[in-house]
Amino acid sequence: MMILDKGERAIGESLWSFLRLLRSVITDPSLLWIDAICIDQANIRERKHQVGLMRQIYTSAAKVYVWLGQEDENSNIAMRFVAAQASKPLRPRGSGYHSLWSRQEGKALHALCDRRYWRRMWIIQELLHANDITVWCGSLSFSWDDLEKLYLKLKTIEESNWLAHHEYHLMVMQSSAAVMVWQRAHWRHPDTPVPSLQTLVEIFRDWQCTDLRDKVFALSGMATEESTLERDYALTTREVYFAVLRHIEGPQEQFRALLSQIFGLAGLEVDLPGQNMVEYSTPSAQKLVLKARQNDWTDGVV
């Protein structure tokens, strides 16, 4: 429990641990935005209002803290490894490069990149819009720039010397963390167009949330349809399903099937007259990671 506005507020153990950490990290008085505290999840009107402000909140934040959770022996190994790799050059070996890690380091890094945080639906908008990100796990941290540099090294090794890959290389590169690293760099590239909601739903179909409606609401603020799709928690899941189809130009049969599956409405008969059915194919998040190119990159709130 914590005292807030002269009353008590129940918070989770993980958030409590992070707040205790912040007491030693932040020495000057600061304004903090923590959605688990600042948004009354039981108030539908408040949730609707705050969801519409997410882009502004994270774009305006001076710093955003990512909290991966409590530390363990493996996480400490991985956190130190990421921070150390930022300043180390690749070591050539013949026509390729030496592996970046030992077996223990590779296993630890995979575990860190596979933590539950990376698969949460609401982190997508937070990470893509944030300007300055620090990643924390327990008492150790590294900058997002450190993570990007490691990713680029792994891509260089992957493209030049596949047979020399460490056994954990592919698992790290296909992790949700790697997807977010590439998506953030791609999103912030000046030549990247604003994606459609359909594309975003397809890419992030496997990300998780408690409320199925957030499979759309958490993404709609980044899409071309932002100004027309109402993020209203008074709507049922079924009503949100039909609202999405109405606000997407010419929804295809495959996307309807995907959306109904995501919302747990498989088998639902849809009747939206006057809309053409065409096949489409959007790369999955995993394929997007494997297609990332080094020239897509620019150097460089909880």
Protein backbone atom coordinates (compact mmCIF):
# COMPACT_ATOMS: atom_id res chain seq x y z
CA MET A 1 0.00 0.00 0.00
CA MET A 2 1.07 3.59 -0.63
CA ILE A 3 -0.31 6.90 0.61
CA LEU A 4 -1.73 9.00 -2.23
CA ASP A 5 -3.90 12.12 -1.94
CA LYS A 6 -4.41 11.45 1.77
CA GLY A 7 -5.67 7.97 1.01
CA GLU A 8 -4.25 4.49 0.52
CA ARG A 9 -3.63 2.97 -2.91
CA ALA A 10 -2.85 -0.70 -3.47
CA ILE A 11 0.06 -1.29 -5.85
CA GLY A 12 1.85 -4.40 -7.05
CA GLU A 13 5.10 -5.70 -5.62
CA SER A 14 7.00 -4.94 -8.82
CA LEU A 15 5.93 -1.27 -8.86
CA TRP A 16 6.71 -0.96 -5.16
CA SER A 17 10.24 -2.24 -5.78
CA PHE A 18 10.75 0.26 -8.59
CA LEU A 19 9.49 3.20 -6.52
CA ARG A 20 11.97 2.29 -3.79
CA LEU A 21 14.73 2.22 -6.40
CA LEU A 22 13.75 5.65 -7.72
CA ARG A 23 14.30 7.16 -4.28
CA SER A 24 18.02 6.55 -4.72
CA VAL A 25 18.11 7.33 -8.47
CA ILE A 26 16.24 10.65 -8.53
CA THR A 27 17.78 13.18 -6.16
CA ASP A 28 15.85 16.26 -7.29
CA PRO A 29 12.06 16.62 -6.91
CA SER A 30 10.45 15.33 -10.09
CA LEU A 31 7.03 14.90 -11.60
CA LEU A 32 6.44 11.24 -12.42
CA TRP A 33 3.78 9.70 -14.62
CA ILE A 34 3.02 6.07 -13.73
CA ASP A 35 -0.09 4.81 -15.50
CA ALA A 36 -0.87 2.20 -12.82
CA ILE A 37 -1.18 5.06 -10.32
CA CYS A 38 -2.24 8.03 -12.44
CA ILE A 39 -5.14 6.35 -14.26
CA ASP A 40 -8.21 5.09 -12.42
CA GLN A 41 -8.78 1.87 -14.35
CA ALA A 42 -12.29 1.53 -12.92
CA ASN A 43 -13.37 4.91 -14.33
CA ILE A 44 -14.43 4.49 -17.98
CA ARG A 45 -14.49 8.22 -18.73
CA GLU A 46 -11.03 8.73 -17.26
CA ARG A 47 -9.56 5.77 -19.15
CA LYS A 48 -10.99 7.09 -22.42
CA HIS A 49 -9.55 10.55 -21.78
CA GLN A 50 -6.11 9.35 -20.71
CA VAL A 51 -5.70 6.94 -23.64
CA GLY A 52 -6.07 9.90 -25.97
CA LEU A 53 -3.19 11.66 -24.19
CA MET A 54 -0.65 8.82 -24.29
CA ARG A 55 1.27 10.15 -27.29
CA GLN A 56 1.55 13.61 -25.74
CA ILE A 57 2.62 12.21 -22.36
CA TYR A 58 5.45 10.06 -23.68
CA THR A 59 6.60 12.48 -26.36
CA SER A 60 6.84 15.28 -23.79
CA ALA A 61 8.54 13.24 -21.06
CA ALA A 62 12.12 14.34 -20.28
CA LYS A 63 13.01 10.72 -19.54
CA VAL A 64 11.19 7.39 -19.70
CA TYR A 65 12.17 4.51 -17.42
CA VAL A 66 11.59 0.92 -18.53
CA TRP A 67 11.24 -1.43 -15.55
CA LEU A 68 11.86 -5.08 -16.40
CA GLY A 69 11.34 -6.26 -12.83
CA GLN A 70 13.39 -7.67 -9.99
CA GLU A 71 16.94 -8.76 -10.65
CA ASP A 72 18.30 -12.29 -10.55
CA GLU A 73 21.68 -13.83 -11.25
CA ASN A 74 21.06 -14.10 -14.99
CA SER A 75 19.62 -10.60 -15.35
CA ASN A 76 22.68 -9.03 -13.74
CA ILE A 77 24.91 -10.85 -16.24
CA ALA A 78 22.76 -9.65 -19.16
CA MET A 79 22.46 -6.04 -17.96
CA ARG A 80 26.22 -5.71 -17.55
CA PHE A 81 26.78 -7.36 -20.92
CA VAL A 82 24.53 -4.90 -22.81
CA ALA A 83 26.10 -1.87 -21.13
CA ALA A 84 29.64 -3.13 -21.80
CA GLN A 85 29.04 -4.00 -25.47
CA ALA A 86 28.15 -0.40 -26.36
CA SER A 87 31.82 0.62 -26.35
CA LYS A 88 33.33 -2.57 -27.78
CA PRO A 89 34.04 -3.01 -31.51
CA LEU A 90 33.30 -6.23 -33.37
CA ARG A 91 36.29 -8.56 -33.58
CA PRO A 92 36.87 -9.91 -37.11
CA ARG A 93 37.55 -13.62 -37.56
CA GLY A 94 38.30 -14.69 -41.11
CA SER A 95 35.39 -13.61 -43.28
CA GLY A 96 33.15 -13.06 -40.27
CA TYR A 97 33.26 -12.08 -36.62
CA HIS A 98 33.82 -13.66 -33.22
CA SER A 99 30.74 -14.40 -31.14
CA LEU A 100 29.84 -11.53 -28.82
CA TRP A 101 29.09 -13.67 -25.81
CA SER A 102 29.84 -16.77 -23.81
CA ARG A 103 27.19 -19.46 -23.47
CA GLN A 104 26.24 -18.08 -20.04
CA GLU A 105 25.94 -14.53 -21.38
CA GLY A 106 23.87 -15.66 -24.36
CA LYS A 107 21.48 -17.57 -22.11
CA ALA A 108 21.18 -14.59 -19.74
CA LEU A 109 20.55 -12.13 -22.59
CA HIS A 110 17.84 -14.33 -24.08
CA ALA A 111 16.12 -14.53 -20.68
CA LEU A 112 16.25 -10.74 -20.33
CA CYS A 113 14.84 -10.20 -23.84
CA ASP A 114 12.08 -12.70 -23.12
CA ARG A 115 10.78 -11.04 -19.96
CA ARG A 116 7.05 -10.45 -19.80
CA TYR A 117 7.45 -6.66 -20.07
CA TRP A 118 8.45 -6.84 -23.73
CA ARG A 119 5.12 -8.47 -24.71
CA ARG A 120 2.81 -5.95 -23.06
CA MET A 121 0.57 -4.14 -25.53
CA TRP A 122 0.82 -0.74 -23.85
CA ILE A 123 4.62 -0.51 -24.03
CA ILE A 124 4.46 -0.19 -27.83
CA GLN A 125 3.25 3.40 -27.90
CA GLU A 126 5.40 4.28 -24.88
CA LEU A 127 8.65 3.05 -26.46
CA LEU A 128 7.98 4.41 -29.94
CA HIS A 129 7.18 7.93 -28.73
CA ALA A 130 9.74 8.29 -25.91
CA ASN A 131 12.82 10.43 -26.58
CA ASP A 132 15.21 9.33 -23.82
CA ILE A 133 14.85 5.79 -22.45
CA THR A 134 16.71 4.07 -19.63
CA VAL A 135 16.12 0.34 -19.08
CA TRP A 136 16.21 -0.90 -15.49
CA CYS A 137 16.26 -4.43 -14.09
CA GLY A 138 16.81 -4.52 -10.35
CA SER A 139 19.55 -2.04 -9.45
CA LEU A 140 21.29 -2.13 -12.87
CA SER A 141 20.49 -0.08 -15.97
CA PHE A 142 21.54 0.69 -19.53
CA SER A 143 20.43 3.25 -22.09
CA TRP A 144 18.23 2.39 -25.06
CA ASP A 145 21.10 3.53 -27.26
CA ASP A 146 23.21 0.71 -25.75
CA LEU A 147 20.52 -1.78 -26.75
CA GLU A 148 20.37 -0.41 -30.31
CA LYS A 149 24.15 -0.70 -30.69
CA LEU A 150 24.06 -4.33 -29.58
CA TYR A 151 21.25 -5.07 -32.03
CA LEU A 152 23.24 -3.59 -34.91
CA LYS A 153 26.25 -5.72 -34.00
CA LEU A 154 24.10 -8.84 -34.02
CA LYS A 155 22.66 -7.89 -37.42
CA THR A 156 26.17 -7.40 -38.81
CA ILE A 157 27.25 -10.83 -37.55
CA GLU A 158 24.05 -12.42 -38.82
CA GLU A 159 24.43 -11.04 -42.34
CA SER A 160 28.13 -11.82 -42.75
CA ASN A 161 28.78 -15.06 -40.90
CA TRP A 162 25.65 -17.13 -40.25
CA LEU A 163 27.48 -20.39 -39.51
CA ALA A 164 29.46 -18.81 -36.68
CA HIS A 165 26.36 -17.74 -34.74
CA HIS A 166 26.15 -18.56 -31.08
CA GLU A 167 23.37 -20.96 -30.14
CA TYR A 168 21.32 -18.14 -28.55
CA HIS A 169 21.75 -15.67 -31.41
CA LEU A 170 18.56 -16.49 -33.30
CA MET A 171 16.47 -16.64 -30.10
CA VAL A 172 17.64 -13.16 -29.10
CA MET A 173 17.01 -11.74 -32.58
CA GLN A 174 13.50 -13.20 -32.69
CA SER A 175 12.58 -12.03 -29.18
CA SER A 176 9.92 -9.40 -28.48
CA ALA A 177 12.66 -7.09 -27.21
CA ALA A 178 14.44 -7.23 -30.58
CA VAL A 179 11.15 -6.51 -32.35
CA MET A 180 10.70 -3.38 -30.24
CA VAL A 181 14.28 -2.21 -30.90
CA TRP A 182 13.76 -2.48 -34.65
CA GLN A 183 10.25 -1.03 -34.60
CA ARG A 184 11.38 2.01 -32.59
CA ALA A 185 14.27 2.71 -34.98
CA HIS A 186 12.06 2.16 -38.03
CA TRP A 187 9.21 4.29 -36.61
CA ARG A 188 11.51 7.22 -35.83
CA HIS A 189 13.24 7.17 -39.21
CA PRO A 190 12.22 10.33 -41.14
CA ASP A 191 11.27 8.34 -44.26
CA THR A 192 8.88 6.00 -42.43
CA PRO A 193 5.22 6.78 -43.27
CA VAL A 194 2.52 6.65 -40.60
CA PRO A 195 1.18 3.06 -40.66
CA SER A 196 -2.46 2.09 -40.91
CA LEU A 197 -4.24 0.56 -37.94
CA GLN A 198 -4.58 -2.63 -39.97
CA THR A 199 -0.79 -2.87 -40.33
CA LEU A 200 -0.20 -2.22 -36.63
CA VAL A 201 -2.73 -4.83 -35.52
CA GLU A 202 -1.11 -7.38 -37.81
CA ILE A 203 2.42 -6.66 -36.57
CA PHE A 204 1.55 -6.65 -32.87
CA ARG A 205 -1.12 -9.35 -32.87
CA ASP A 206 0.73 -11.43 -30.25
CA TRP A 207 1.33 -8.63 -27.73
CA GLN A 208 -0.70 -9.02 -24.54
CA CYS A 209 -3.23 -6.98 -22.59
CA THR A 210 -5.88 -7.65 -19.96
CA ASP A 211 -8.67 -5.88 -21.87
CA LEU A 212 -9.01 -7.20 -25.44
CA ARG A 213 -10.25 -3.81 -26.63
CA ASP A 214 -6.76 -2.49 -25.93
CA LYS A 215 -5.51 -4.64 -28.82
CA VAL A 216 -6.88 -1.72 -30.88
CA PHE A 217 -6.99 1.22 -28.46
CA ALA A 218 -3.29 0.87 -27.54
CA LEU A 219 -2.35 1.14 -31.22
CA SER A 220 -4.89 3.56 -32.65
CA GLY A 221 -3.01 6.65 -31.44
CA MET A 222 -0.15 5.76 -33.79
CA ALA A 223 -2.23 4.99 -36.87
CA THR A 224 -3.48 7.02 -39.81
CA GLU A 225 -7.03 6.52 -38.54
CA GLU A 226 -6.28 8.21 -35.19
CA SER A 227 -8.62 11.14 -35.77
CA THR A 228 -11.61 9.01 -36.73
CA LEU A 229 -11.57 5.95 -34.47
CA GLU A 230 -13.16 6.59 -31.08
CA ARG A 231 -11.39 4.95 -28.13
CA ASP A 232 -14.45 4.38 -25.99
CA TYR A 233 -14.42 1.83 -23.15
CA ALA A 234 -18.20 2.01 -22.97
CA LEU A 235 -18.23 -0.03 -26.20
CA THR A 236 -18.28 -3.82 -26.04
CA THR A 237 -15.58 -5.89 -27.71
CA ARG A 238 -18.03 -6.71 -30.50
CA GLU A 239 -18.83 -3.02 -31.03
CA VAL A 240 -15.12 -2.15 -31.19
CA TYR A 241 -14.68 -4.92 -33.78
CA PHE A 242 -17.29 -3.38 -36.08
CA ALA A 243 -15.97 0.15 -35.42
CA VAL A 244 -12.51 -0.89 -36.60
CA LEU A 245 -13.89 -2.40 -39.80
CA ARG A 246 -15.88 0.75 -40.52
CA HIS A 247 -12.83 2.98 -40.10
CA ILE A 248 -10.45 1.00 -42.28
CA GLU A 249 -10.64 1.52 -46.02
CA GLY A 250 -11.76 -1.67 -47.74
CA PRO A 251 -11.08 -4.21 -44.96
CA GLN A 252 -9.99 -7.52 -46.43
CA GLU A 253 -11.32 -10.93 -45.55
CA GLN A 254 -8.05 -12.05 -43.97
CA PHE A 255 -7.95 -9.02 -41.69
CA ARG A 256 -11.54 -9.57 -40.61
CA ALA A 257 -10.66 -13.14 -39.69
CA LEU A 258 -7.57 -11.99 -37.77
CA LEU A 259 -9.48 -9.29 -35.91
CA SER A 260 -12.27 -11.68 -34.93
CA GLN A 261 -9.67 -14.15 -33.67
CA ILE A 262 -7.89 -11.47 -31.63
CA PHE A 263 -11.18 -10.37 -30.05
CA GLY A 264 -12.31 -13.92 -29.37
CA LEU A 265 -15.14 -13.57 -31.90
CA ALA A 266 -14.06 -16.31 -34.29
CA GLY A 267 -16.89 -17.41 -36.55
CA LEU A 268 -18.71 -14.08 -36.27
CA GLU A 269 -20.65 -13.31 -39.45
CA VAL A 270 -19.88 -9.81 -40.68
CA ASP A 271 -22.16 -7.84 -42.95
CA LEU A 272 -20.66 -4.56 -44.07
CA PRO A 273 -22.12 -3.93 -47.54
CA GLY A 274 -20.25 -2.12 -50.25
CA GLN A 275 -16.74 -3.20 -49.21
CA ASN A 276 -14.47 -5.12 -51.53
CA MET A 277 -12.59 -8.23 -50.43
CA VAL A 278 -8.95 -8.43 -51.49
CA GLU A 279 -6.05 -10.55 -50.31
CA TYR A 280 -3.27 -8.85 -48.40
CA SER A 281 -0.03 -9.84 -46.80
CA THR A 282 1.73 -7.84 -44.08
CA PRO A 283 5.06 -9.07 -42.69
CA SER A 284 4.86 -10.44 -39.17
CA ALA A 285 6.94 -8.85 -36.43
CA GLN A 286 9.44 -11.67 -36.64
CA LYS A 287 9.95 -11.13 -40.38
CA LEU A 288 10.31 -7.40 -39.84
CA VAL A 289 13.17 -8.02 -37.44
CA LEU A 290 14.95 -10.30 -39.89
CA LYS A 291 14.53 -7.71 -42.68
CA ALA A 292 15.98 -4.82 -40.66
CA ARG A 293 18.85 -3.06 -42.41
CA GLN A 294 21.60 -1.03 -40.87
CA ASN A 295 20.76 2.02 -42.97
CA ASP A 296 17.33 2.19 -41.31
CA TRP A 297 19.04 3.45 -38.15
CA THR A 298 19.82 6.91 -36.90
CA ASP A 299 22.60 7.36 -34.34
CA GLY A 300 22.17 8.34 -31.56
CA VAL A 301 8.02 7.83 -17.50
CA VAL A 302 7.45 4.42 -16.58
